[in-house]
Amino acid sequence: TIGYGKETKFDASALRLTIACSTVSMNHCKLHFTKTKKSATVDIEDSESLNGTFILGRPAPRSNRRPMLEMEVRGQPHTLESVEYIRLGSACVIALDSTNIYWDDED
């Protein structure tokens, strides 16, 4: 779960990322991690947040423009396979790095 907190930190025991940003709801969204065969996927699902969860698109490589709004996540989970940025509410942008996702098993 990702939600508002007094400081930005990850609580491993509660599996909760808190973000100190006023546009983030207490239970803003959830990440779902699944593995099928040798492929891992991560989906994001909005938890009926007050200010919305959004997918942002990366601008062209030589552009100095900001990431642009692609879609709002509502009603069903959305895969983060090719997503580089998500926005929580109107002000909190998170840059994703999937290179650190791993599974602690042999297969």
PDB file of N, CA and C in Angstrom:
ATOM      1  N   THR A   1       0.837  -1.182   0.000  1.00  0.00           N
ATOM      2  CA  THR A   1       0.000   0.000   0.000  1.00  0.00           C
ATOM      3  C   THR A   1       0.882   1.245   0.000  1.00  0.00           C
ATOM      4  N   ILE A   2       0.471   2.240  -0.748  1.00  0.00           N
ATOM      5  CA  ILE A   2       1.124   3.540  -0.760  1.00  0.00           C
ATOM      6  C   ILE A   2       0.123   4.551  -0.221  1.00  0.00           C
ATOM      7  N   GLY A   3       0.548   5.371   0.735  1.00  0.00           N
ATOM      8  CA  GLY A   3      -0.359   6.344   1.316  1.00  0.00           C
ATOM      9  C   GLY A   3       0.376   7.466   2.020  1.00  0.00           C
ATOM     10  N   TYR A   4      -0.391   8.400   2.516  1.00  0.00           N
ATOM     11  CA  TYR A   4       0.160   9.574   3.187  1.00  0.00           C
ATOM     12  C   TYR A   4       0.777   9.194   4.529  1.00  0.00           C
ATOM     13  N   GLY A   5       1.872   9.875   4.877  1.00  0.00           N
ATOM     14  CA  GLY A   5       2.500   9.723   6.183  1.00  0.00           C
ATOM     15  C   GLY A   5       3.245  10.986   6.542  1.00  0.00           C
ATOM     16  N   LYS A   6       3.673  11.087   7.792  1.00  0.00           N
ATOM     17  CA  LYS A   6       4.391  12.276   8.252  1.00  0.00           C
ATOM     18  C   LYS A   6       5.765  12.395   7.616  1.00  0.00           C
ATOM     19  N   GLU A   7       6.327  11.252   7.160  1.00  0.00           N
ATOM     20  CA  GLU A   7       7.612  11.260   6.463  1.00  0.00           C
ATOM     21  C   GLU A   7       7.575  10.229   5.346  1.00  0.00           C
ATOM     22  N   THR A   8       8.434  10.410   4.354  1.00  0.00           N
ATOM     23  CA  THR A   8       8.508   9.466   3.240  1.00  0.00           C
ATOM     24  C   THR A   8       9.435   8.330   3.640  1.00  0.00           C
ATOM     25  N   LYS A   9       8.862   7.122   3.757  1.00  0.00           N
ATOM     26  CA  LYS A   9       9.649   5.961   4.160  1.00  0.00           C
ATOM     27  C   LYS A   9       8.882   4.690   3.854  1.00  0.00           C
ATOM     28  N   PHE A  10       9.603   3.571   3.816  1.00  0.00           N
ATOM     29  CA  PHE A  10       8.995   2.268   3.604  1.00  0.00           C
ATOM     30  C   PHE A  10       9.024   1.497   4.909  1.00  0.00           C
ATOM     31  N   ASP A  11       7.882   0.981   5.317  1.00  0.00           N
ATOM     32  CA  ASP A  11       7.766   0.158   6.518  1.00  0.00           C
ATOM     33  C   ASP A  11       7.659  -1.299   6.063  1.00  0.00           C
ATOM     34  N   ALA A  12       8.765  -2.044   6.187  1.00  0.00           N
ATOM     35  CA  ALA A  12       8.815  -3.426   5.695  1.00  0.00           C
ATOM     36  C   ALA A  12       7.862  -4.345   6.450  1.00  0.00           C
ATOM     37  N   SER A  13       7.644  -4.104   7.727  1.00  0.00           N
ATOM     38  CA  SER A  13       6.759  -4.986   8.490  1.00  0.00           C
ATOM     39  C   SER A  13       5.297  -4.811   8.084  1.00  0.00           C
ATOM     40  N   ALA A  14       4.906  -3.597   7.710  1.00  0.00           N
ATOM     41  CA  ALA A  14       3.531  -3.333   7.280  1.00  0.00           C
ATOM     42  C   ALA A  14       3.382  -3.370   5.765  1.00  0.00           C
ATOM     43  N   LEU A  15       4.491  -3.516   5.037  1.00  0.00           N
ATOM     44  CA  LEU A  15       4.497  -3.461   3.569  1.00  0.00           C
ATOM     45  C   LEU A  15       3.789  -2.198   3.079  1.00  0.00           C
ATOM     46  N   ARG A  16       4.200  -1.071   3.648  1.00  0.00           N
ATOM     47  CA  ARG A  16       3.553   0.215   3.350  1.00  0.00           C
ATOM     48  C   ARG A  16       4.602   1.283   3.073  1.00  0.00           C
ATOM     49  N   LEU A  17       4.418   1.994   1.963  1.00  0.00           N
ATOM     50  CA  LEU A  17       5.239   3.148   1.622  1.00  0.00           C
ATOM     51  C   LEU A  17       4.438   4.386   1.975  1.00  0.00           C
ATOM     52  N   THR A  18       4.956   5.185   2.911  1.00  0.00           N
ATOM     53  CA  THR A  18       4.279   6.434   3.246  1.00  0.00           C
ATOM     54  C   THR A  18       5.004   7.583   2.559  1.00  0.00           C
ATOM     55  N   ILE A  19       4.216   8.547   2.104  1.00  0.00           N
ATOM     56  CA  ILE A  19       4.752   9.699   1.376  1.00  0.00           C
ATOM     57  C   ILE A  19       4.243  10.966   2.038  1.00  0.00           C
ATOM     58  N   ALA A  20       5.161  11.851   2.375  1.00  0.00           N
ATOM     59  CA  ALA A  20       4.810  13.124   3.012  1.00  0.00           C
ATOM     60  C   ALA A  20       4.464  14.152   1.944  1.00  0.00           C
ATOM     61  N   CYS A  21       3.273  14.041   1.399  1.00  0.00           N
ATOM     62  CA  CYS A  21       2.795  14.963   0.366  1.00  0.00           C
ATOM     63  C   CYS A  21       1.292  15.129   0.578  1.00  0.00           C
ATOM     64  N   SER A  22       0.825  16.348   0.637  1.00  0.00           N
ATOM     65  CA  SER A  22      -0.572  16.612   0.983  1.00  0.00           C
ATOM     66  C   SER A  22      -1.580  16.128  -0.066  1.00  0.00           C
ATOM     67  N   THR A  23      -1.152  15.833  -1.290  1.00  0.00           N
ATOM     68  CA  THR A  23      -2.101  15.359  -2.305  1.00  0.00           C
ATOM     69  C   THR A  23      -2.256  13.839  -2.291  1.00  0.00           C
ATOM     70  N   VAL A  24      -1.535  13.154  -1.397  1.00  0.00           N
ATOM     71  CA  VAL A  24      -1.604  11.696  -1.293  1.00  0.00           C
ATOM     72  C   VAL A  24      -2.598  11.328  -0.196  1.00  0.00           C
ATOM     73  N   SER A  25      -3.553  10.431  -0.513  1.00  0.00           N
ATOM     74  CA  SER A  25      -4.545   9.971   0.459  1.00  0.00           C
ATOM     75  C   SER A  25      -3.918   8.975   1.424  1.00  0.00           C
ATOM     76  N   MET A  26      -4.595   8.714   2.543  1.00  0.00           N
ATOM     77  CA  MET A  26      -4.074   7.780   3.552  1.00  0.00           C
ATOM     78  C   MET A  26      -3.816   6.395   2.947  1.00  0.00           C
ATOM     79  N   ASN A  27      -4.739   5.877   2.173  1.00  0.00           N
ATOM     80  CA  ASN A  27      -4.572   4.616   1.444  1.00  0.00           C
ATOM     81  C   ASN A  27      -4.778   4.926  -0.027  1.00  0.00           C
ATOM     82  N   HIS A  28      -3.762   5.476  -0.651  1.00  0.00           N
ATOM     83  CA  HIS A  28      -3.893   6.026  -2.001  1.00  0.00           C
ATOM     84  C   HIS A  28      -3.993   4.941  -3.074  1.00  0.00           C
ATOM     85  N   CYS A  29      -3.042   4.004  -3.072  1.00  0.00           N
ATOM     86  CA  CYS A  29      -3.039   2.961  -4.096  1.00  0.00           C
ATOM     87  C   CYS A  29      -2.299   1.722  -3.580  1.00  0.00           C
ATOM     88  N   LYS A  30      -2.392   0.654  -4.353  1.00  0.00           N
ATOM     89  CA  LYS A  30      -1.721  -0.595  -3.998  1.00  0.00           C
ATOM     90  C   LYS A  30      -0.917  -1.093  -5.181  1.00  0.00           C
ATOM     91  N   LEU A  31       0.191  -1.743  -4.884  1.00  0.00           N
ATOM     92  CA  LEU A  31       0.988  -2.421  -5.902  1.00  0.00           C
ATOM     93  C   LEU A  31       0.776  -3.920  -5.748  1.00  0.00           C
ATOM     94  N   HIS A  32       0.573  -4.604  -6.867  1.00  0.00           N
ATOM     95  CA  HIS A  32       0.389  -6.058  -6.870  1.00  0.00           C
ATOM     96  C   HIS A  32       1.569  -6.687  -7.613  1.00  0.00           C
ATOM     97  N   PHE A  33       2.294  -7.559  -6.945  1.00  0.00           N
ATOM     98  CA  PHE A  33       3.451  -8.240  -7.529  1.00  0.00           C
ATOM     99  C   PHE A  33       3.061  -9.678  -7.840  1.00  0.00           C
ATOM    100  N   THR A  34       3.256 -10.104  -9.097  1.00  0.00           N
ATOM    101  CA  THR A  34       2.957 -11.484  -9.480  1.00  0.00           C
ATOM    102  C   THR A  34       4.101 -12.044 -10.312  1.00  0.00           C
ATOM    103  N   LYS A  35       4.221 -13.347 -10.278  1.00  0.00           N
ATOM    104  CA  LYS A  35       5.254 -14.019 -11.068  1.00  0.00           C
ATOM    105  C   LYS A  35       4.627 -15.212 -11.762  1.00  0.00           C
ATOM    106  N   THR A  36       4.813 -15.276 -13.074  1.00  0.00           N
ATOM    107  CA  THR A  36       4.369 -16.423 -13.848  1.00  0.00           C
ATOM    108  C   THR A  36       5.564 -16.926 -14.635  1.00  0.00           C
ATOM    109  N   LYS A  37       5.901 -18.165 -14.402  1.00  0.00           N
ATOM    110  CA  LYS A  37       7.105 -18.764 -14.979  1.00  0.00           C
ATOM    111  C   LYS A  37       8.313 -17.908 -14.618  1.00  0.00           C
ATOM    112  N   LYS A  38       9.002 -17.325 -15.579  1.00  0.00           N
ATOM    113  CA  LYS A  38      10.181 -16.513 -15.269  1.00  0.00           C
ATOM    114  C   LYS A  38       9.932 -15.021 -15.454  1.00  0.00           C
ATOM    115  N   SER A  39       8.659 -14.646 -15.586  1.00  0.00           N
ATOM    116  CA  SER A  39       8.308 -13.253 -15.809  1.00  0.00           C
ATOM    117  C   SER A  39       7.609 -12.678 -14.574  1.00  0.00           C
ATOM    118  N   ALA A  40       8.090 -11.540 -14.111  1.00  0.00           N
ATOM    119  CA  ALA A  40       7.482 -10.853 -12.979  1.00  0.00           C
ATOM    120  C   ALA A  40       6.758  -9.608 -13.477  1.00  0.00           C
ATOM    121  N   THR A  41       5.585  -9.338 -12.907  1.00  0.00           N
ATOM    122  CA  THR A  41       4.844  -8.138 -13.276  1.00  0.00           C
ATOM    123  C   THR A  41       4.434  -7.380 -12.018  1.00  0.00           C
ATOM    124  N   VAL A  42       4.300  -6.084 -12.178  1.00  0.00           N
ATOM    125  CA  VAL A  42       3.829  -5.220 -11.106  1.00  0.00           C
ATOM    126  C   VAL A  42       2.661  -4.417 -11.662  1.00  0.00           C
ATOM    127  N   ASP A  43       1.539  -4.456 -10.950  1.00  0.00           N
ATOM    128  CA  ASP A  43       0.356  -3.690 -11.324  1.00  0.00           C
ATOM    129  C   ASP A  43       0.076  -2.663 -10.241  1.00  0.00           C
ATOM    130  N   ILE A  44      -0.495  -1.539 -10.625  1.00  0.00           N
ATOM    131  CA  ILE A  44      -0.909  -0.514  -9.678  1.00  0.00           C
ATOM    132  C   ILE A  44      -2.425  -0.417  -9.714  1.00  0.00           C
ATOM    133  N   GLU A  45      -3.023  -0.245  -8.546  1.00  0.00           N
ATOM    134  CA  GLU A  45      -4.476  -0.131  -8.432  1.00  0.00           C
ATOM    135  C   GLU A  45      -4.796   1.047  -7.516  1.00  0.00           C
ATOM    136  N   ASP A  46      -5.618   1.965  -7.985  1.00  0.00           N
ATOM    137  CA  ASP A  46      -6.028   3.096  -7.170  1.00  0.00           C
ATOM    138  C   ASP A  46      -6.997   2.601  -6.100  1.00  0.00           C
ATOM    139  N   SER A  47      -6.850   3.090  -4.881  1.00  0.00           N
ATOM    140  CA  SER A  47      -7.707   2.684  -3.759  1.00  0.00           C
ATOM    141  C   SER A  47      -8.773   3.735  -3.488  1.00  0.00           C
ATOM    142  N   GLU A  48      -9.428   4.191  -4.554  1.00  0.00           N
ATOM    143  CA  GLU A  48     -10.449   5.231  -4.472  1.00  0.00           C
ATOM    144  C   GLU A  48      -9.908   6.465  -3.748  1.00  0.00           C
ATOM    145  N   SER A  49      -8.708   6.866  -4.145  1.00  0.00           N
ATOM    146  CA  SER A  49      -8.050   8.031  -3.549  1.00  0.00           C
ATOM    147  C   SER A  49      -8.836   9.305  -3.867  1.00  0.00           C
ATOM    148  N   LEU A  50      -8.634  10.316  -3.057  1.00  0.00           N
ATOM    149  CA  LEU A  50      -9.335  11.585  -3.271  1.00  0.00           C
ATOM    150  C   LEU A  50      -8.833  12.327  -4.494  1.00  0.00           C
ATOM    151  N   ASN A  51      -7.537  12.253  -4.781  1.00  0.00           N
ATOM    152  CA  ASN A  51      -6.948  13.063  -5.843  1.00  0.00           C
ATOM    153  C   ASN A  51      -6.470  12.280  -7.058  1.00  0.00           C
ATOM    154  N   GLY A  52      -6.679  10.971  -7.092  1.00  0.00           N
ATOM    155  CA  GLY A  52      -6.369  10.175  -8.274  1.00  0.00           C
ATOM    156  C   GLY A  52      -4.949   9.654  -8.363  1.00  0.00           C
ATOM    157  N   THR A  53      -4.793   8.594  -9.156  1.00  0.00           N
ATOM    158  CA  THR A  53      -3.512   7.974  -9.472  1.00  0.00           C
ATOM    159  C   THR A  53      -3.374   8.015 -10.985  1.00  0.00           C
ATOM    160  N   PHE A  54      -2.222   8.486 -11.479  1.00  0.00           N
ATOM    161  CA  PHE A  54      -2.069   8.743 -12.904  1.00  0.00           C
ATOM    162  C   PHE A  54      -0.793   8.118 -13.448  1.00  0.00           C
ATOM    163  N   ILE A  55      -0.838   7.711 -14.714  1.00  0.00           N
ATOM    164  CA  ILE A  55       0.322   7.213 -15.445  1.00  0.00           C
ATOM    165  C   ILE A  55       0.836   8.371 -16.296  1.00  0.00           C
ATOM    166  N   LEU A  56       2.134   8.641 -16.192  1.00  0.00           N
ATOM    167  CA  LEU A  56       2.742   9.713 -16.980  1.00  0.00           C
ATOM    168  C   LEU A  56       3.654   9.126 -18.041  1.00  0.00           C
ATOM    169  N   GLY A  57       3.653   9.726 -19.218  1.00  0.00           N
ATOM    170  CA  GLY A  57       4.493   9.272 -20.309  1.00  0.00           C
ATOM    171  C   GLY A  57       5.800  10.037 -20.369  1.00  0.00           C
ATOM    172  N   ARG A  58       6.836   9.360 -20.810  1.00  0.00           N
ATOM    173  CA  ARG A  58       8.159   9.972 -20.922  1.00  0.00           C
ATOM    174  C   ARG A  58       8.215  10.818 -22.190  1.00  0.00           C
ATOM    175  N   PRO A  59       8.726  12.037 -22.088  1.00  0.00           N
ATOM    176  CA  PRO A  59       8.880  12.861 -23.290  1.00  0.00           C
ATOM    177  C   PRO A  59       9.982  12.307 -24.202  1.00  0.00           C
ATOM    178  N   ALA A  60      10.060  12.841 -25.409  1.00  0.00           N
ATOM    179  CA  ALA A  60      11.101  12.403 -26.352  1.00  0.00           C
ATOM    180  C   ALA A  60      12.489  12.588 -25.721  1.00  0.00           C
ATOM    181  N   PRO A  61      13.466  11.732 -26.089  1.00  0.00           N
ATOM    182  CA  PRO A  61      14.796  11.782 -25.460  1.00  0.00           C
ATOM    183  C   PRO A  61      15.471  13.154 -25.480  1.00  0.00           C
ATOM    184  N   ARG A  62      15.315  13.913 -26.534  1.00  0.00           N
ATOM    185  CA  ARG A  62      15.986  15.214 -26.623  1.00  0.00           C
ATOM    186  C   ARG A  62      15.125  16.381 -26.116  1.00  0.00           C
ATOM    187  N   SER A  63      13.948  16.052 -25.610  1.00  0.00           N
ATOM    188  CA  SER A  63      13.032  17.097 -25.145  1.00  0.00           C
ATOM    189  C   SER A  63      13.374  17.513 -23.708  1.00  0.00           C
ATOM    190  N   ASN A  64      13.140  18.763 -23.406  1.00  0.00           N
ATOM    191  CA  ASN A  64      13.303  19.213 -22.030  1.00  0.00           C
ATOM    192  C   ASN A  64      11.938  19.452 -21.380  1.00  0.00           C
ATOM    193  N   ARG A  65      10.912  18.814 -21.930  1.00  0.00           N
ATOM    194  CA  ARG A  65       9.560  18.912 -21.392  1.00  0.00           C
ATOM    195  C   ARG A  65       9.376  17.939 -20.223  1.00  0.00           C
ATOM    196  N   ARG A  66       8.388  18.202 -19.408  1.00  0.00           N
ATOM    197  CA  ARG A  66       8.057  17.322 -18.292  1.00  0.00           C
ATOM    198  C   ARG A  66       7.314  16.093 -18.790  1.00  0.00           C
ATOM    199  N   PRO A  67       7.271  15.015 -17.974  1.00  0.00           N
ATOM    200  CA  PRO A  67       6.437  13.865 -18.341  1.00  0.00           C
ATOM    201  C   PRO A  67       4.978  14.307 -18.505  1.00  0.00           C
ATOM    202  N   MET A  68       4.286  13.731 -19.477  1.00  0.00           N
ATOM    203  CA  MET A  68       2.919  14.135 -19.803  1.00  0.00           C
ATOM    204  C   MET A  68       1.918  13.083 -19.342  1.00  0.00           C
ATOM    205  N   LEU A  69       0.717  13.541 -18.981  1.00  0.00           N
ATOM    206  CA  LEU A  69      -0.352  12.659 -18.526  1.00  0.00           C
ATOM    207  C   LEU A  69      -0.784  11.714 -19.644  1.00  0.00           C
ATOM    208  N   GLU A  70      -0.799  10.421 -19.360  1.00  0.00           N
ATOM    209  CA  GLU A  70      -1.283   9.431 -20.327  1.00  0.00           C
ATOM    210  C   GLU A  70      -2.657   8.909 -19.952  1.00  0.00           C
ATOM    211  N   MET A  71      -2.844   8.589 -18.665  1.00  0.00           N
ATOM    212  CA  MET A  71      -4.138   8.048 -18.242  1.00  0.00           C
ATOM    213  C   MET A  71      -4.295   8.108 -16.733  1.00  0.00           C
ATOM    214  N   GLU A  72      -5.532   8.018 -16.280  1.00  0.00           N
ATOM    215  CA  GLU A  72      -5.830   7.899 -14.863  1.00  0.00           C
ATOM    216  C   GLU A  72      -6.108   6.431 -14.565  1.00  0.00           C
ATOM    217  N   VAL A  73      -5.616   5.947 -13.447  1.00  0.00           N
ATOM    218  CA  VAL A  73      -5.846   4.565 -13.027  1.00  0.00           C
ATOM    219  C   VAL A  73      -7.103   4.562 -12.164  1.00  0.00           C
ATOM    220  N   ARG A  74      -8.168   4.006 -12.666  1.00  0.00           N
ATOM    221  CA  ARG A  74      -9.438   3.911 -11.927  1.00  0.00           C
ATOM    222  C   ARG A  74     -10.135   2.618 -12.287  1.00  0.00           C
ATOM    223  N   GLY A  75     -10.730   1.968 -11.310  1.00  0.00           N
ATOM    224  CA  GLY A  75     -11.577   0.819 -11.570  1.00  0.00           C
ATOM    225  C   GLY A  75     -10.881  -0.522 -11.698  1.00  0.00           C
ATOM    226  N   GLN A  76      -9.708  -0.556 -12.273  1.00  0.00           N
ATOM    227  CA  GLN A  76      -8.992  -1.818 -12.426  1.00  0.00           C
ATOM    228  C   GLN A  76      -7.493  -1.575 -12.391  1.00  0.00           C
ATOM    229  N   PRO A  77      -6.723  -2.600 -11.993  1.00  0.00           N
ATOM    230  CA  PRO A  77      -5.258  -2.446 -11.956  1.00  0.00           C
ATOM    231  C   PRO A  77      -4.683  -2.177 -13.341  1.00  0.00           C
ATOM    232  N   HIS A  78      -3.559  -1.492 -13.370  1.00  0.00           N
ATOM    233  CA  HIS A  78      -2.849  -1.193 -14.622  1.00  0.00           C
ATOM    234  C   HIS A  78      -1.412  -1.675 -14.484  1.00  0.00           C
ATOM    235  N   THR A  79      -0.925  -2.397 -15.481  1.00  0.00           N
ATOM    236  CA  THR A  79       0.446  -2.906 -15.419  1.00  0.00           C
ATOM    237  C   THR A  79       1.460  -1.771 -15.530  1.00  0.00           C
ATOM    238  N   LEU A  80       2.551  -1.905 -14.786  1.00  0.00           N
ATOM    239  CA  LEU A  80       3.603  -0.894 -14.804  1.00  0.00           C
ATOM    240  C   LEU A  80       4.787  -1.318 -15.670  1.00  0.00           C
ATOM    241  N   GLU A  81       4.576  -2.293 -16.542  1.00  0.00           N
ATOM    242  CA  GLU A  81       5.659  -2.866 -17.343  1.00  0.00           C
ATOM    243  C   GLU A  81       6.451  -1.822 -18.126  1.00  0.00           C
ATOM    244  N   SER A  82       5.786  -0.905 -18.780  1.00  0.00           N
ATOM    245  CA  SER A  82       6.506   0.089 -19.585  1.00  0.00           C
ATOM    246  C   SER A  82       6.325   1.511 -19.038  1.00  0.00           C
ATOM    247  N   VAL A  83       5.913   1.617 -17.784  1.00  0.00           N
ATOM    248  CA  VAL A  83       5.660   2.914 -17.165  1.00  0.00           C
ATOM    249  C   VAL A  83       6.911   3.382 -16.427  1.00  0.00           C
ATOM    250  N   GLU A  84       7.279   4.628 -16.608  1.00  0.00           N
ATOM    251  CA  GLU A  84       8.447   5.170 -15.916  1.00  0.00           C
ATOM    252  C   GLU A  84       8.076   6.130 -14.804  1.00  0.00           C
ATOM    253  N   TYR A  85       6.884   6.751 -14.897  1.00  0.00           N
ATOM    254  CA  TYR A  85       6.468   7.713 -13.881  1.00  0.00           C
ATOM    255  C   TYR A  85       5.012   7.497 -13.517  1.00  0.00           C
ATOM    256  N   ILE A  86       4.701   7.614 -12.216  1.00  0.00           N
ATOM    257  CA  ILE A  86       3.313   7.672 -11.777  1.00  0.00           C
ATOM    258  C   ILE A  86       3.153   8.958 -10.970  1.00  0.00           C
ATOM    259  N   ARG A  87       1.934   9.473 -10.970  1.00  0.00           N
ATOM    260  CA  ARG A  87       1.653  10.675 -10.185  1.00  0.00           C
ATOM    261  C   ARG A  87       0.529  10.362  -9.224  1.00  0.00           C
ATOM    262  N   LEU A  88       0.745  10.702  -7.956  1.00  0.00           N
ATOM    263  CA  LEU A  88      -0.268  10.520  -6.926  1.00  0.00           C
ATOM    264  C   LEU A  88      -0.835  11.891  -6.599  1.00  0.00           C
ATOM    265  N   GLY A  89      -2.097  12.089  -6.918  1.00  0.00           N
ATOM    266  CA  GLY A  89      -2.697  13.398  -6.727  1.00  0.00           C
ATOM    267  C   GLY A  89      -2.161  14.376  -7.748  1.00  0.00           C
ATOM    268  N   SER A  90      -2.105  15.644  -7.364  1.00  0.00           N
ATOM    269  CA  SER A  90      -1.679  16.664  -8.322  1.00  0.00           C
ATOM    270  C   SER A  90      -0.208  17.037  -8.215  1.00  0.00           C
ATOM    271  N   ALA A  91       0.486  16.566  -7.165  1.00  0.00           N
ATOM    272  CA  ALA A  91       1.836  17.075  -6.948  1.00  0.00           C
ATOM    273  C   ALA A  91       2.927  16.035  -6.757  1.00  0.00           C
ATOM    274  N   CYS A  92       2.606  14.806  -6.469  1.00  0.00           N
ATOM    275  CA  CYS A  92       3.626  13.809  -6.124  1.00  0.00           C
ATOM    276  C   CYS A  92       3.932  12.894  -7.315  1.00  0.00           C
ATOM    277  N   VAL A  93       5.101  13.062  -7.913  1.00  0.00           N
ATOM    278  CA  VAL A  93       5.512  12.226  -9.044  1.00  0.00           C
ATOM    279  C   VAL A  93       6.586  11.252  -8.560  1.00  0.00           C
ATOM    280  N   ILE A  94       6.411   9.983  -8.907  1.00  0.00           N
ATOM    281  CA  ILE A  94       7.358   8.941  -8.518  1.00  0.00           C
ATOM    282  C   ILE A  94       7.988   8.367  -9.780  1.00  0.00           C
ATOM    283  N   ALA A  95       9.309   8.340  -9.832  1.00  0.00           N
ATOM    284  CA  ALA A  95      10.038   7.717 -10.940  1.00  0.00           C
ATOM    285  C   ALA A  95      10.291   6.270 -10.562  1.00  0.00           C
ATOM    286  N   LEU A  96       9.853   5.345 -11.389  1.00  0.00           N
ATOM    287  CA  LEU A  96       9.956   3.917 -11.087  1.00  0.00           C
ATOM    288  C   LEU A  96      11.284   3.350 -11.550  1.00  0.00           C
ATOM    289  N   ASP A  97      11.807   2.399 -10.789  1.00  0.00           N
ATOM    290  CA  ASP A  97      13.031   1.688 -11.150  1.00  0.00           C
ATOM    291  C   ASP A  97      12.797   0.211 -10.879  1.00  0.00           C
ATOM    292  N   SER A  98      12.469  -0.531 -11.925  1.00  0.00           N
ATOM    293  CA  SER A  98      12.157  -1.950 -11.751  1.00  0.00           C
ATOM    294  C   SER A  98      13.402  -2.825 -11.731  1.00  0.00           C
ATOM    295  N   THR A  99      14.576  -2.241 -11.836  1.00  0.00           N
ATOM    296  CA  THR A  99      15.792  -3.056 -11.856  1.00  0.00           C
ATOM    297  C   THR A  99      16.090  -3.681 -10.499  1.00  0.00           C
ATOM    298  N   ASN A 100      15.471  -3.190  -9.432  1.00  0.00           N
ATOM    299  CA  ASN A 100      15.737  -3.726  -8.100  1.00  0.00           C
ATOM    300  C   ASN A 100      14.677  -4.708  -7.624  1.00  0.00           C
ATOM    301  N   ILE A 101      13.749  -5.085  -8.488  1.00  0.00           N
ATOM    302  CA  ILE A 101      12.735  -6.079  -8.118  1.00  0.00           C
ATOM    303  C   ILE A 101      13.310  -7.467  -8.385  1.00  0.00           C
ATOM    304  N   TYR A 102      13.323  -8.295  -7.364  1.00  0.00           N
ATOM    305  CA  TYR A 102      13.842  -9.640  -7.524  1.00  0.00           C
ATOM    306  C   TYR A 102      13.010 -10.617  -6.712  1.00  0.00           C
ATOM    307  N   TRP A 103      13.171 -11.875  -6.996  1.00  0.00           N
ATOM    308  CA  TRP A 103      12.446 -12.930  -6.287  1.00  0.00           C
ATOM    309  C   TRP A 103      13.464 -13.797  -5.576  1.00  0.00           C
ATOM    310  N   ASP A 104      13.163 -14.157  -4.369  1.00  0.00           N
ATOM    311  CA  ASP A 104      14.083 -14.945  -3.544  1.00  0.00           C
ATOM    312  C   ASP A 104      13.773 -16.437  -3.702  1.00  0.00           C
ATOM    313  N   ASP A 105      13.943 -16.934  -4.915  1.00  0.00           N
ATOM    314  CA  ASP A 105      13.807 -18.366  -5.155  1.00  0.00           C
ATOM    315  C   ASP A 105      14.686 -18.779  -6.326  1.00  0.00           C
ATOM    316  N   GLU A 106      14.785 -20.065  -6.545  1.00  0.00           N
ATOM    317  CA  GLU A 106      15.695 -20.605  -7.553  1.00  0.00           C
ATOM    318  C   GLU A 106      15.197 -20.431  -8.977  1.00  0.00           C
ATOM    319  N   ASP A 107      13.890 -20.454  -9.188  1.00  0.00           N
ATOM    320  CA  ASP A 107      13.364 -20.404 -10.561  1.00  0.00           C
ATOM    321  C   ASP A 107      13.019 -18.998 -10.914  1.00  0.00           C
TER     322      ASP A 107
END
